[in-house]
């Protein structure tokens, strides 16, 4: 296992990102959205230092037991979003890979609240997609599959406090 970002480096990057967001993003009456399952550790680390807001959780997945996304996204929302959303939405996710997950969530949110300002914030941005997240703790050009700090290796290792590159022989069976 090759650790790419250790716990101390993640903490430093998150602290810098919080500072940047507090200085660049309108945080009045925010709705914070955590993309489940992978976004949980990052969401927790980020929102505890941001102003109070409405916290929502949306289940979304584009991997479905594979180490590559097939481009489709399953989204599950346990709320009446029309009643829950403010006009200032911040989406937190673990990784911006192809962008499919966040783009599909943004499209869904804009159908409900077309005037909303939506900001995406991710722990890891893969700088090879044609679209991008506005804010990222880390950016990589690596095509490796990652796990840890919310990202999973076929359901495992989300709880690890670091991010590692998964080698082919380290992929857990689905």
N, C-alpha and C. Protein backbone atom coordinates (compact mmCIF):
# COMPACT_ATOMS: atom_id res chain seq x y z
N UNK A 1 0.86 -1.19 0.00
CA UNK A 1 0.00 0.00 0.00
C UNK A 1 0.90 1.24 0.00
N UNK A 2 0.63 2.12 -0.94
CA UNK A 2 1.40 3.36 -1.06
C UNK A 2 0.55 4.53 -0.58
N UNK A 3 0.91 5.07 0.60
CA UNK A 3 0.18 6.22 1.13
C UNK A 3 0.56 7.44 0.31
N UNK A 4 -0.44 8.09 -0.26
CA UNK A 4 -0.23 9.27 -1.10
C UNK A 4 -0.33 10.55 -0.26
N UNK A 5 -1.35 10.62 0.59
CA UNK A 5 -1.56 11.78 1.47
C UNK A 5 -1.77 11.25 2.88
N UNK A 6 -0.82 11.56 3.79
CA UNK A 6 -0.95 11.07 5.17
C UNK A 6 -1.90 11.99 5.96
N UNK A 7 -2.19 11.58 7.17
CA UNK A 7 -3.16 12.29 8.00
C UNK A 7 -2.76 13.75 8.24
N UNK A 8 -1.50 14.01 8.53
CA UNK A 8 -1.04 15.38 8.79
C UNK A 8 -1.18 16.25 7.54
N UNK A 9 -0.86 15.69 6.39
CA UNK A 9 -0.96 16.45 5.15
C UNK A 9 -2.42 16.74 4.81
N UNK A 10 -3.30 15.79 5.08
CA UNK A 10 -4.74 16.02 4.86
C UNK A 10 -5.22 17.13 5.77
N UNK A 11 -4.85 17.07 7.04
CA UNK A 11 -5.29 18.10 7.99
C UNK A 11 -4.84 19.49 7.55
N UNK A 12 -3.58 19.61 7.12
CA UNK A 12 -3.06 20.90 6.65
C UNK A 12 -3.82 21.39 5.42
N UNK A 13 -4.08 20.50 4.48
CA UNK A 13 -4.80 20.87 3.26
C UNK A 13 -6.23 21.30 3.58
N UNK A 14 -6.88 20.59 4.50
CA UNK A 14 -8.25 20.93 4.89
C UNK A 14 -8.27 22.30 5.58
N UNK A 15 -7.33 22.55 6.46
CA UNK A 15 -7.27 23.85 7.14
C UNK A 15 -7.08 24.99 6.14
N UNK A 16 -6.21 24.80 5.15
CA UNK A 16 -6.00 25.82 4.12
C UNK A 16 -7.26 26.02 3.29
N UNK A 17 -7.93 24.93 2.95
CA UNK A 17 -9.15 25.00 2.15
C UNK A 17 -10.27 25.70 2.91
N UNK A 18 -10.39 25.46 4.19
CA UNK A 18 -11.38 26.15 5.02
C UNK A 18 -11.11 27.65 4.99
N UNK A 19 -9.85 28.04 5.17
CA UNK A 19 -9.47 29.45 5.12
C UNK A 19 -9.86 30.06 3.77
N UNK A 20 -9.55 29.36 2.71
CA UNK A 20 -9.84 29.85 1.36
C UNK A 20 -11.35 30.01 1.14
N UNK A 21 -12.11 29.03 1.54
CA UNK A 21 -13.57 29.07 1.36
C UNK A 21 -14.18 30.19 2.20
N UNK A 22 -13.72 30.34 3.44
CA UNK A 22 -14.26 31.40 4.30
C UNK A 22 -13.99 32.79 3.70
N UNK A 23 -12.94 32.91 2.90
CA UNK A 23 -12.58 34.20 2.31
C UNK A 23 -13.11 34.40 0.89
N UNK A 24 -13.52 33.34 0.21
CA UNK A 24 -13.93 33.47 -1.19
C UNK A 24 -15.38 33.12 -1.47
N UNK A 25 -16.04 32.40 -0.58
CA UNK A 25 -17.39 31.89 -0.85
C UNK A 25 -18.40 32.60 0.04
N UNK A 26 -19.53 32.93 -0.54
CA UNK A 26 -20.64 33.50 0.23
C UNK A 26 -21.20 32.40 1.13
N UNK A 27 -21.06 32.57 2.42
CA UNK A 27 -21.52 31.55 3.37
C UNK A 27 -22.76 31.99 4.14
N UNK A 28 -23.51 32.94 3.58
CA UNK A 28 -24.74 33.36 4.23
C UNK A 28 -25.84 32.34 3.94
N UNK A 29 -26.53 31.91 4.99
CA UNK A 29 -27.62 30.94 4.90
C UNK A 29 -27.26 29.74 4.01
N UNK A 30 -26.18 29.03 4.34
CA UNK A 30 -25.75 27.94 3.46
C UNK A 30 -26.52 26.65 3.67
N UNK A 31 -26.62 25.90 2.59
CA UNK A 31 -27.03 24.50 2.66
C UNK A 31 -25.79 23.70 2.32
N UNK A 32 -25.34 22.87 3.26
CA UNK A 32 -24.18 22.01 3.04
C UNK A 32 -24.69 20.63 2.67
N UNK A 33 -24.21 20.10 1.55
CA UNK A 33 -24.62 18.77 1.12
C UNK A 33 -23.42 17.85 1.13
N UNK A 34 -23.56 16.74 1.83
CA UNK A 34 -22.54 15.70 1.87
C UNK A 34 -22.96 14.60 0.90
N UNK A 35 -22.06 14.25 -0.01
CA UNK A 35 -22.33 13.14 -0.92
C UNK A 35 -21.88 11.86 -0.23
N UNK A 36 -22.86 11.00 0.04
CA UNK A 36 -22.59 9.73 0.71
C UNK A 36 -22.16 8.69 -0.31
N UNK A 37 -21.35 7.78 0.05
CA UNK A 37 -20.81 7.53 1.37
C UNK A 37 -19.44 8.20 1.55
N UNK A 38 -18.74 8.39 0.47
CA UNK A 38 -17.35 8.80 0.53
C UNK A 38 -17.08 10.17 1.10
N UNK A 39 -18.03 11.09 1.00
CA UNK A 39 -17.79 12.46 1.43
C UNK A 39 -17.82 12.69 2.93
N UNK A 40 -18.22 11.69 3.71
CA UNK A 40 -18.46 11.90 5.14
C UNK A 40 -17.24 12.43 5.92
N UNK A 41 -16.06 11.80 5.86
CA UNK A 41 -14.94 12.34 6.66
C UNK A 41 -14.56 13.77 6.26
N UNK A 42 -14.53 14.04 4.97
CA UNK A 42 -14.18 15.36 4.46
C UNK A 42 -15.25 16.38 4.87
N UNK A 43 -16.51 16.03 4.73
CA UNK A 43 -17.63 16.89 5.11
C UNK A 43 -17.54 17.27 6.58
N UNK A 44 -17.30 16.27 7.42
CA UNK A 44 -17.17 16.50 8.86
C UNK A 44 -16.01 17.43 9.17
N UNK A 45 -14.87 17.17 8.56
CA UNK A 45 -13.69 18.00 8.81
C UNK A 45 -13.87 19.43 8.33
N UNK A 46 -14.58 19.61 7.22
CA UNK A 46 -14.76 20.95 6.66
C UNK A 46 -15.85 21.74 7.38
N UNK A 47 -17.02 21.17 7.55
CA UNK A 47 -18.16 21.95 8.04
C UNK A 47 -18.08 22.33 9.50
N UNK A 48 -17.28 21.64 10.28
CA UNK A 48 -17.18 22.01 11.69
C UNK A 48 -16.55 23.39 11.87
N UNK A 49 -15.84 23.88 10.84
CA UNK A 49 -15.19 25.19 10.91
C UNK A 49 -15.82 26.22 9.98
N UNK A 50 -16.99 25.90 9.47
CA UNK A 50 -17.74 26.84 8.63
C UNK A 50 -18.96 27.30 9.40
N UNK A 51 -19.57 28.42 9.01
CA UNK A 51 -20.75 28.90 9.73
C UNK A 51 -21.87 27.87 9.74
N UNK A 52 -22.71 27.96 10.74
CA UNK A 52 -23.84 27.05 10.87
C UNK A 52 -24.70 27.10 9.61
N UNK A 53 -25.17 25.94 9.20
CA UNK A 53 -26.03 25.86 8.02
C UNK A 53 -26.87 24.60 8.07
N UNK A 54 -27.73 24.45 7.09
CA UNK A 54 -28.55 23.26 6.96
C UNK A 54 -27.69 22.16 6.33
N UNK A 55 -27.52 21.04 7.02
CA UNK A 55 -26.70 19.94 6.53
C UNK A 55 -27.60 18.83 5.99
N UNK A 56 -27.39 18.49 4.72
CA UNK A 56 -28.15 17.44 4.06
C UNK A 56 -27.21 16.37 3.55
N UNK A 57 -27.75 15.17 3.38
CA UNK A 57 -26.95 14.04 2.91
C UNK A 57 -27.64 13.41 1.72
N UNK A 58 -26.90 13.29 0.62
CA UNK A 58 -27.43 12.69 -0.60
C UNK A 58 -26.58 11.47 -0.93
N UNK A 59 -27.23 10.36 -1.13
CA UNK A 59 -26.54 9.12 -1.50
C UNK A 59 -26.38 9.12 -3.01
N UNK A 60 -25.14 9.05 -3.47
CA UNK A 60 -24.87 9.02 -4.91
C UNK A 60 -23.69 8.11 -5.18
N UNK A 61 -23.77 7.38 -6.26
CA UNK A 61 -22.68 6.48 -6.60
C UNK A 61 -22.58 6.33 -8.11
N UNK A 62 -21.34 6.34 -8.57
CA UNK A 62 -21.11 6.08 -9.99
C UNK A 62 -20.18 4.87 -10.18
N UNK A 63 -19.77 4.23 -9.08
CA UNK A 63 -18.83 3.12 -9.19
C UNK A 63 -19.48 1.75 -9.13
N UNK A 64 -20.47 1.56 -8.29
CA UNK A 64 -21.25 0.32 -8.23
C UNK A 64 -20.39 -0.95 -8.14
N UNK A 65 -19.44 -0.96 -7.21
CA UNK A 65 -18.63 -2.16 -6.99
C UNK A 65 -17.46 -2.33 -7.94
N UNK A 66 -17.19 -1.34 -8.76
CA UNK A 66 -16.05 -1.41 -9.68
C UNK A 66 -15.01 -0.37 -9.28
N UNK A 67 -13.83 -0.48 -9.85
CA UNK A 67 -12.82 0.55 -9.59
C UNK A 67 -12.84 1.60 -10.69
N UNK A 68 -13.77 1.46 -11.64
CA UNK A 68 -13.95 2.48 -12.68
C UNK A 68 -15.43 2.81 -12.78
N UNK A 69 -15.71 4.07 -12.98
CA UNK A 69 -17.08 4.52 -13.15
C UNK A 69 -17.56 4.16 -14.55
N UNK A 70 -18.83 3.75 -14.65
CA UNK A 70 -19.40 3.47 -15.97
C UNK A 70 -20.11 4.70 -16.54
N UNK A 71 -20.04 5.81 -15.80
CA UNK A 71 -20.66 7.06 -16.27
C UNK A 71 -22.07 7.27 -15.75
N UNK A 72 -22.74 6.22 -15.33
CA UNK A 72 -24.09 6.36 -14.77
C UNK A 72 -24.01 6.71 -13.30
N UNK A 73 -25.00 7.44 -12.80
CA UNK A 73 -25.01 7.85 -11.40
C UNK A 73 -26.36 7.52 -10.78
N UNK A 74 -26.33 6.80 -9.67
CA UNK A 74 -27.53 6.54 -8.89
C UNK A 74 -27.59 7.57 -7.78
N UNK A 75 -28.71 8.30 -7.67
CA UNK A 75 -28.87 9.33 -6.64
C UNK A 75 -30.11 9.02 -5.82
N UNK A 76 -29.95 9.07 -4.50
CA UNK A 76 -31.07 8.86 -3.58
C UNK A 76 -31.13 10.03 -2.61
N UNK A 77 -32.30 10.65 -2.52
CA UNK A 77 -32.48 11.83 -1.68
C UNK A 77 -33.62 11.58 -0.70
N UNK A 78 -33.34 11.54 0.61
CA UNK A 78 -34.39 11.27 1.59
C UNK A 78 -35.11 12.53 2.10
N UNK A 79 -35.11 13.60 1.31
CA UNK A 79 -35.70 14.88 1.73
C UNK A 79 -36.60 15.42 0.64
N UNK A 80 -37.45 16.35 1.04
CA UNK A 80 -38.15 17.19 0.08
C UNK A 80 -37.22 18.38 -0.14
N UNK A 81 -36.37 18.28 -1.14
CA UNK A 81 -35.34 19.30 -1.35
C UNK A 81 -35.91 20.68 -1.59
N UNK A 82 -37.09 20.76 -2.14
CA UNK A 82 -37.71 22.06 -2.39
C UNK A 82 -37.87 22.84 -1.08
N UNK A 83 -38.09 22.13 0.01
CA UNK A 83 -38.26 22.78 1.32
C UNK A 83 -36.93 22.94 2.06
N UNK A 84 -35.94 22.15 1.72
CA UNK A 84 -34.70 22.10 2.49
C UNK A 84 -33.58 22.99 1.95
N UNK A 85 -33.59 23.28 0.66
CA UNK A 85 -32.47 23.99 0.05
C UNK A 85 -32.55 25.50 0.21
N UNK A 86 -31.41 26.11 0.46
CA UNK A 86 -31.31 27.56 0.40
C UNK A 86 -30.84 27.91 -1.02
N UNK A 87 -30.60 29.16 -1.27
CA UNK A 87 -30.08 29.57 -2.58
C UNK A 87 -28.56 29.55 -2.61
N UNK A 88 -27.95 29.10 -1.52
CA UNK A 88 -26.50 29.07 -1.41
C UNK A 88 -26.09 27.65 -0.99
N UNK A 89 -25.68 26.84 -1.97
CA UNK A 89 -25.45 25.41 -1.75
C UNK A 89 -23.98 25.07 -1.93
N UNK A 90 -23.43 24.35 -0.97
CA UNK A 90 -22.05 23.86 -1.05
C UNK A 90 -22.10 22.34 -1.01
N UNK A 91 -21.56 21.71 -2.04
CA UNK A 91 -21.55 20.25 -2.15
C UNK A 91 -20.16 19.74 -1.79
N UNK A 92 -20.10 18.78 -0.88
CA UNK A 92 -18.84 18.18 -0.44
C UNK A 92 -18.81 16.71 -0.87
N UNK A 93 -17.73 16.33 -1.56
CA UNK A 93 -17.58 14.94 -2.00
C UNK A 93 -16.14 14.50 -1.79
N UNK A 94 -15.92 13.20 -1.86
CA UNK A 94 -14.56 12.68 -1.64
C UNK A 94 -13.66 12.92 -2.84
N UNK A 95 -14.15 12.63 -4.06
CA UNK A 95 -13.28 12.75 -5.23
C UNK A 95 -14.06 13.26 -6.43
N UNK A 96 -13.41 14.12 -7.19
CA UNK A 96 -13.93 14.55 -8.49
C UNK A 96 -13.07 13.79 -9.49
N UNK A 97 -13.66 12.73 -10.04
CA UNK A 97 -12.94 11.89 -10.97
C UNK A 97 -13.35 12.32 -12.38
N UNK A 98 -14.42 11.77 -12.87
CA UNK A 98 -14.96 12.21 -14.16
C UNK A 98 -15.85 13.42 -13.98
N UNK A 99 -16.31 13.64 -12.75
CA UNK A 99 -17.24 14.73 -12.47
C UNK A 99 -18.69 14.30 -12.57
N UNK A 100 -18.93 13.07 -13.02
CA UNK A 100 -20.32 12.61 -13.25
C UNK A 100 -21.20 12.74 -12.01
N UNK A 101 -20.69 12.35 -10.86
CA UNK A 101 -21.52 12.37 -9.65
C UNK A 101 -21.95 13.79 -9.32
N UNK A 102 -21.00 14.70 -9.18
CA UNK A 102 -21.35 16.08 -8.81
C UNK A 102 -22.16 16.77 -9.90
N UNK A 103 -21.82 16.54 -11.15
CA UNK A 103 -22.57 17.18 -12.24
C UNK A 103 -24.03 16.74 -12.23
N UNK A 104 -24.28 15.45 -12.00
CA UNK A 104 -25.66 14.97 -11.92
C UNK A 104 -26.39 15.55 -10.72
N UNK A 105 -25.71 15.67 -9.59
CA UNK A 105 -26.32 16.28 -8.41
C UNK A 105 -26.62 17.76 -8.67
N UNK A 106 -25.68 18.47 -9.27
CA UNK A 106 -25.89 19.88 -9.59
C UNK A 106 -27.09 20.04 -10.52
N UNK A 107 -27.18 19.22 -11.56
CA UNK A 107 -28.32 19.29 -12.49
C UNK A 107 -29.64 19.08 -11.74
N UNK A 108 -29.67 18.10 -10.84
CA UNK A 108 -30.87 17.83 -10.07
C UNK A 108 -31.23 19.04 -9.18
N UNK A 109 -30.23 19.61 -8.51
CA UNK A 109 -30.48 20.74 -7.62
C UNK A 109 -30.95 21.98 -8.39
N UNK A 110 -30.37 22.21 -9.57
CA UNK A 110 -30.77 23.38 -10.35
C UNK A 110 -32.18 23.24 -10.93
N UNK A 111 -32.64 22.02 -11.13
CA UNK A 111 -34.05 21.84 -11.55
C UNK A 111 -35.00 22.25 -10.43
N UNK A 112 -34.55 22.05 -9.18
CA UNK A 112 -35.37 22.39 -8.02
C UNK A 112 -35.21 23.86 -7.65
N UNK A 113 -33.99 24.35 -7.69
CA UNK A 113 -33.67 25.72 -7.27
C UNK A 113 -32.79 26.37 -8.34
N UNK A 114 -33.40 26.80 -9.48
CA UNK A 114 -32.62 27.31 -10.61
C UNK A 114 -31.76 28.54 -10.30
N UNK A 115 -32.14 29.32 -9.30
CA UNK A 115 -31.39 30.54 -8.97
C UNK A 115 -30.25 30.28 -7.99
N UNK A 116 -30.07 29.05 -7.57
CA UNK A 116 -29.07 28.73 -6.54
C UNK A 116 -27.65 28.95 -7.02
N UNK A 117 -26.80 29.39 -6.09
CA UNK A 117 -25.35 29.42 -6.29
C UNK A 117 -24.84 28.09 -5.72
N UNK A 118 -24.16 27.31 -6.56
CA UNK A 118 -23.68 26.01 -6.12
C UNK A 118 -22.16 25.98 -6.23
N UNK A 119 -21.53 25.58 -5.12
CA UNK A 119 -20.07 25.47 -5.06
C UNK A 119 -19.72 24.02 -4.75
N UNK A 120 -18.81 23.44 -5.53
CA UNK A 120 -18.36 22.08 -5.26
C UNK A 120 -17.01 22.12 -4.57
N UNK A 121 -16.87 21.24 -3.58
CA UNK A 121 -15.66 21.17 -2.77
C UNK A 121 -15.34 19.69 -2.59
N UNK A 122 -14.16 19.28 -3.00
CA UNK A 122 -13.80 17.87 -2.92
C UNK A 122 -12.47 17.68 -2.21
N UNK A 123 -12.30 16.48 -1.65
CA UNK A 123 -11.02 16.16 -1.02
C UNK A 123 -9.94 15.97 -2.08
N UNK A 124 -10.28 15.27 -3.17
CA UNK A 124 -9.30 14.95 -4.19
C UNK A 124 -9.88 15.21 -5.57
N UNK A 125 -9.19 16.02 -6.35
CA UNK A 125 -9.63 16.32 -7.71
C UNK A 125 -8.65 15.69 -8.69
N UNK A 126 -9.18 14.83 -9.55
CA UNK A 126 -8.35 14.21 -10.58
C UNK A 126 -8.32 15.16 -11.76
N UNK A 127 -7.17 15.73 -12.03
CA UNK A 127 -7.02 16.78 -13.02
C UNK A 127 -6.87 16.22 -14.44
N UNK A 128 -7.76 15.28 -14.78
CA UNK A 128 -7.73 14.71 -16.12
C UNK A 128 -9.12 14.75 -16.75
N UNK A 129 -10.09 15.23 -15.99
CA UNK A 129 -11.45 15.29 -16.53
C UNK A 129 -11.63 16.63 -17.24
N UNK A 130 -12.65 16.71 -18.08
CA UNK A 130 -12.87 17.94 -18.84
C UNK A 130 -13.60 18.99 -18.00
N UNK A 131 -14.18 18.57 -16.90
CA UNK A 131 -14.83 19.51 -15.99
C UNK A 131 -14.05 19.51 -14.68
N UNK A 132 -14.35 20.46 -13.80
CA UNK A 132 -13.59 20.48 -12.56
C UNK A 132 -14.41 21.03 -11.41
N UNK A 133 -13.97 20.66 -10.21
CA UNK A 133 -14.55 21.19 -8.98
C UNK A 133 -13.92 22.55 -8.71
N UNK A 134 -14.69 23.43 -8.12
CA UNK A 134 -14.19 24.77 -7.80
C UNK A 134 -13.08 24.71 -6.75
N UNK A 135 -13.25 23.87 -5.74
CA UNK A 135 -12.28 23.79 -4.64
C UNK A 135 -11.91 22.33 -4.38
N UNK A 136 -10.62 22.11 -4.12
CA UNK A 136 -10.14 20.76 -3.80
C UNK A 136 -8.99 20.85 -2.81
N UNK A 137 -8.99 19.92 -1.86
CA UNK A 137 -7.87 19.85 -0.92
C UNK A 137 -6.60 19.40 -1.65
N UNK A 138 -6.76 18.46 -2.58
CA UNK A 138 -5.64 17.94 -3.36
C UNK A 138 -6.04 17.80 -4.82
N UNK A 139 -5.06 17.97 -5.70
CA UNK A 139 -5.25 17.74 -7.13
C UNK A 139 -4.19 16.76 -7.59
N UNK A 140 -4.59 15.82 -8.43
CA UNK A 140 -3.64 14.83 -8.94
C UNK A 140 -3.89 14.58 -10.42
N UNK A 141 -2.85 14.24 -11.12
CA UNK A 141 -2.97 13.80 -12.51
C UNK A 141 -2.90 12.27 -12.59
N UNK A 142 -2.69 11.63 -11.46
CA UNK A 142 -2.55 10.19 -11.41
C UNK A 142 -3.86 9.51 -11.84
N UNK A 143 -3.71 8.41 -12.53
CA UNK A 143 -4.87 7.60 -12.92
C UNK A 143 -5.09 6.45 -11.94
N UNK A 144 -4.33 6.45 -10.83
CA UNK A 144 -4.49 5.41 -9.81
C UNK A 144 -5.90 5.45 -9.24
N UNK A 145 -6.32 4.32 -8.70
CA UNK A 145 -7.55 4.23 -7.94
C UNK A 145 -7.16 4.51 -6.50
N UNK A 146 -7.94 5.34 -5.79
CA UNK A 146 -7.59 5.74 -4.44
C UNK A 146 -8.58 5.20 -3.42
N UNK A 147 -8.11 5.02 -2.19
CA UNK A 147 -8.96 4.60 -1.08
C UNK A 147 -8.47 5.29 0.18
N UNK A 148 -9.31 5.27 1.20
CA UNK A 148 -9.02 5.92 2.46
C UNK A 148 -9.65 7.30 2.50
N UNK A 149 -9.82 7.85 3.70
CA UNK A 149 -10.42 9.17 3.92
C UNK A 149 -11.74 9.30 3.16
N UNK A 150 -12.56 8.28 3.28
CA UNK A 150 -13.90 8.28 2.68
C UNK A 150 -13.99 7.48 1.40
N UNK A 151 -12.91 7.42 0.64
CA UNK A 151 -12.92 6.64 -0.60
C UNK A 151 -12.74 5.17 -0.25
N UNK A 152 -13.45 4.31 -0.98
CA UNK A 152 -13.41 2.90 -0.59
C UNK A 152 -12.75 2.01 -1.64
N UNK A 153 -12.30 0.89 -1.15
CA UNK A 153 -11.76 -0.19 -1.97
C UNK A 153 -12.79 -1.31 -1.88
N UNK A 154 -13.81 -1.24 -2.77
CA UNK A 154 -14.93 -2.17 -2.75
C UNK A 154 -15.57 -2.28 -1.37
N UNK A 155 -15.87 -1.12 -0.79
CA UNK A 155 -16.58 -1.05 0.48
C UNK A 155 -15.69 -1.00 1.71
N UNK A 156 -14.41 -1.18 1.54
CA UNK A 156 -13.50 -1.21 2.69
C UNK A 156 -12.58 0.00 2.68
N UNK A 157 -12.01 0.29 3.82
CA UNK A 157 -10.96 1.29 4.03
C UNK A 157 -11.43 2.75 4.01
N UNK A 158 -12.74 3.01 3.98
CA UNK A 158 -13.24 4.39 4.05
C UNK A 158 -12.81 5.07 5.34
N UNK A 159 -12.65 4.30 6.40
CA UNK A 159 -12.35 4.84 7.72
C UNK A 159 -10.89 5.22 7.92
N UNK A 160 -10.03 4.90 6.99
CA UNK A 160 -8.61 5.20 7.17
C UNK A 160 -8.38 6.71 7.14
N UNK A 161 -7.48 7.22 7.98
CA UNK A 161 -7.25 8.67 8.06
C UNK A 161 -6.29 9.20 6.99
N UNK A 162 -5.93 8.37 6.04
CA UNK A 162 -5.01 8.76 4.97
C UNK A 162 -5.58 8.26 3.63
N UNK A 163 -4.97 8.73 2.54
CA UNK A 163 -5.38 8.32 1.20
C UNK A 163 -4.24 7.52 0.60
N UNK A 164 -4.58 6.35 0.06
CA UNK A 164 -3.56 5.53 -0.57
C UNK A 164 -3.97 5.15 -1.99
N UNK A 165 -2.96 4.85 -2.80
CA UNK A 165 -3.19 4.36 -4.16
C UNK A 165 -3.37 2.84 -4.08
N UNK A 166 -4.46 2.37 -4.66
CA UNK A 166 -4.76 0.94 -4.66
C UNK A 166 -4.08 0.30 -5.86
N UNK A 167 -3.21 -0.66 -5.58
CA UNK A 167 -2.56 -1.41 -6.64
C UNK A 167 -3.49 -2.55 -7.07
N UNK A 168 -3.29 -3.05 -8.27
CA UNK A 168 -4.19 -4.10 -8.81
C UNK A 168 -4.32 -5.29 -7.87
N UNK A 169 -3.23 -5.69 -7.23
CA UNK A 169 -3.28 -6.85 -6.34
C UNK A 169 -3.86 -6.51 -4.96
N UNK A 170 -4.21 -5.23 -4.73
CA UNK A 170 -4.77 -4.81 -3.45
C UNK A 170 -6.28 -4.56 -3.53
N UNK A 171 -6.88 -4.76 -4.69
CA UNK A 171 -8.31 -4.53 -4.84
C UNK A 171 -9.06 -5.65 -4.13
N UNK A 172 -9.92 -5.26 -3.19
CA UNK A 172 -10.72 -6.26 -2.49
C UNK A 172 -11.81 -6.78 -3.41
N UNK A 173 -12.14 -8.06 -3.30
CA UNK A 173 -13.22 -8.60 -4.15
C UNK A 173 -14.55 -7.94 -3.80
N UNK A 174 -15.39 -7.74 -4.82
CA UNK A 174 -16.69 -7.10 -4.55
C UNK A 174 -17.72 -8.12 -4.13
